[in-house]
Amino acid sequence: MSDELNHLLENVLLDTGGLGCFQFIIIAVINLVKFPITWSVLMMTFGGATPDWWCDDYRNSSMLEEDKDAGNESVTSFLFKKCSVNGSDACRDVHFDSDMNTIISEWRLICGESWVPGIVISIQMAGLFISGYLSGQLSDMFGRRLIIFISILLNAVANFVAAFSTSWQMFASLRFVIGISSGLYLAIYMTYIIEFTPMKSRPMIQAIPSWSLAAAFYGLLAWLLPDWRYIQIVTGAVSVPFFACWFIVPESFRWLVSHKKMDEAKKVVDRISKLNKVSTPSLQEVEGALEKSNIMDRKYTVVDICKHGYLLKRAVIVSFAWMAMAYTYYGISFGVDKLSGSLYINIFVLSFLEIPGAFLAWYFMKRIGRRWAYMIFSLLSAAGGIAVGLAKNFDFNNSWAVINGFAFVAKLGCAAGWSCLFIITTECYPTVLRTTGYGLASSLCRIGPILAPLALSTSDTYKGFLYFTCGVVTCISGLSIFCIHETKDRALEDLIGTDRMEVSLKVTDSGIQITNDNTVDKK
């Protein structure tokens, strides 16, 4: 009967108008919230970049500009990014290029303190690591709406305060808080939208390139305001209008039903129906199926995933895939200043490439299924990463163009593959554990970006190390995804154990018709 409940709730979505005005409002609001969240996560792509700097006596920037303009290479090249003079004397003074102000120039994080930016990134990602799990667990316990609002509030406050940091230690502490706030949102937003979206429209939701657009706009923001303090203030300010989310977004009706809060669920369904301009459907069949399922309203945790072998297998495979994608995505993103050309243009291009990637992911998921789509894009990313690693070990004409080109390919494949993963993860867990499972993957994947700065440092000694490792892990994840079942054209599970029964499913204009067989799912 629990499997019947899954399909009845899918029918409720169709009876309330399917993909209607209500859904478009929710999709728009939740995806717009992602803009300040994205800027918060990617802040260190600019904030941690190293401006040009010169050692020792060039305190007068006008003198330095005159030397540069005059082409005095003997002076500028001798002092350019030199930690010591004549091989022994340490720099007494450092001049940074005034074209940009990052935390490097703010606190002179060069030479003996060049390790600090990588640590700041790892600290931020540790915040995402912790909150990814907490968000899923808390939202499955207390609902999606509350956690979304808390993440918005915390993100706004932390960004404002971080703009007035007086030391890198204070800044790093606040980046941890910002990581917490970002992780709370990123672990839940997709689940929240999906639970209001009809089955056939779910892949389309991931095709909305909100992260990509936000990341591209971040490159534009950094170009217009090349000062890390201003970027922090703008990010906090953009978050403020979204406090209204408390009054705009309702609780997920599927979460309410799975926790036997039927009175509240009926109010949400009524609201959806009114906005979609259709009659409010009866939930009598849903109540009947809920009673027959004999479930108790209790708090589910990651322990429940571990208790069920099929859920544990999904968690291991999906979480590893998330780690592989995150390691590749953030490794390339935080190493963007290592690529040739303008920092701002590279940020923009790398981000903008994700937009066609999202649409490609949508198309492939609809045509060939979630698993095949993910495998194709992960292998594409692996090929691009390995090609960059090889190119970095050979000197040849226009090597910079080849390196940048294949880095863009790796990022495109990674972004498209991650789009597939969002849908796979959302669809492979039951409602009572959906954000717990999604949050677990979102949390564990932060191991990737925590390690990425270390891989970038290692790449200084072993050329291409980051990209070789990116290729290996994405390749493994792409092949291992076939160890879990395909989720295309399957109703969302709502209760634990519903995949243990074979269901004959037929989607019609009037709804989803089902017949149950008492056979065990072998997948």
Foldseek 3Di string as FASTA:
>chain_A
DLLVLLFVLLLLLVQLQFCFPLLVVLLVLLLLLVLLLLCLLLLCLQQVDAAKKFFADPPDVVVVVVCVVVVVCVPCVQGTQDQAHPVDHGGPDMDGDPLFAHVCNVAVCDDVNVCLSLVLSLLLLLLLLVLLLVLLQVCLQPFNLVLLLVLLVQLLVLLLVLLPDPHVVSNSVSSSSSSNSSNNSVLRSLLLSQLSHRQVCSLVSLLPLSSLVSQLVSLVVCNVPRYSSVSSNVSSVSSVVSNCSSVSDDTRLLSCLLLPVVVSSQVVQCVSSVSRVGDRDDCVVSVVVSVVVPDHRDRDACVVQVVDVQSVLVLVLLLLLLLLLLLLQLLCSSCLSVADDDSSVSSNLLSNLLNVLSVQLSVCCQPPFLLVSLLVLLLQLLVLLVQLQVLQVDDDPPSSVSNSVSSSSNSSSSSSNVSSSSSVLQQPDAQSSSSSSSSNSSSSSSVSSSCSSVQVVVCVVVPSSSSNVSSVSSNVSSVCSVVHDTRRPPRRRHDPPSQQWDWDWDQDSSGIDIDTDNHGRPD
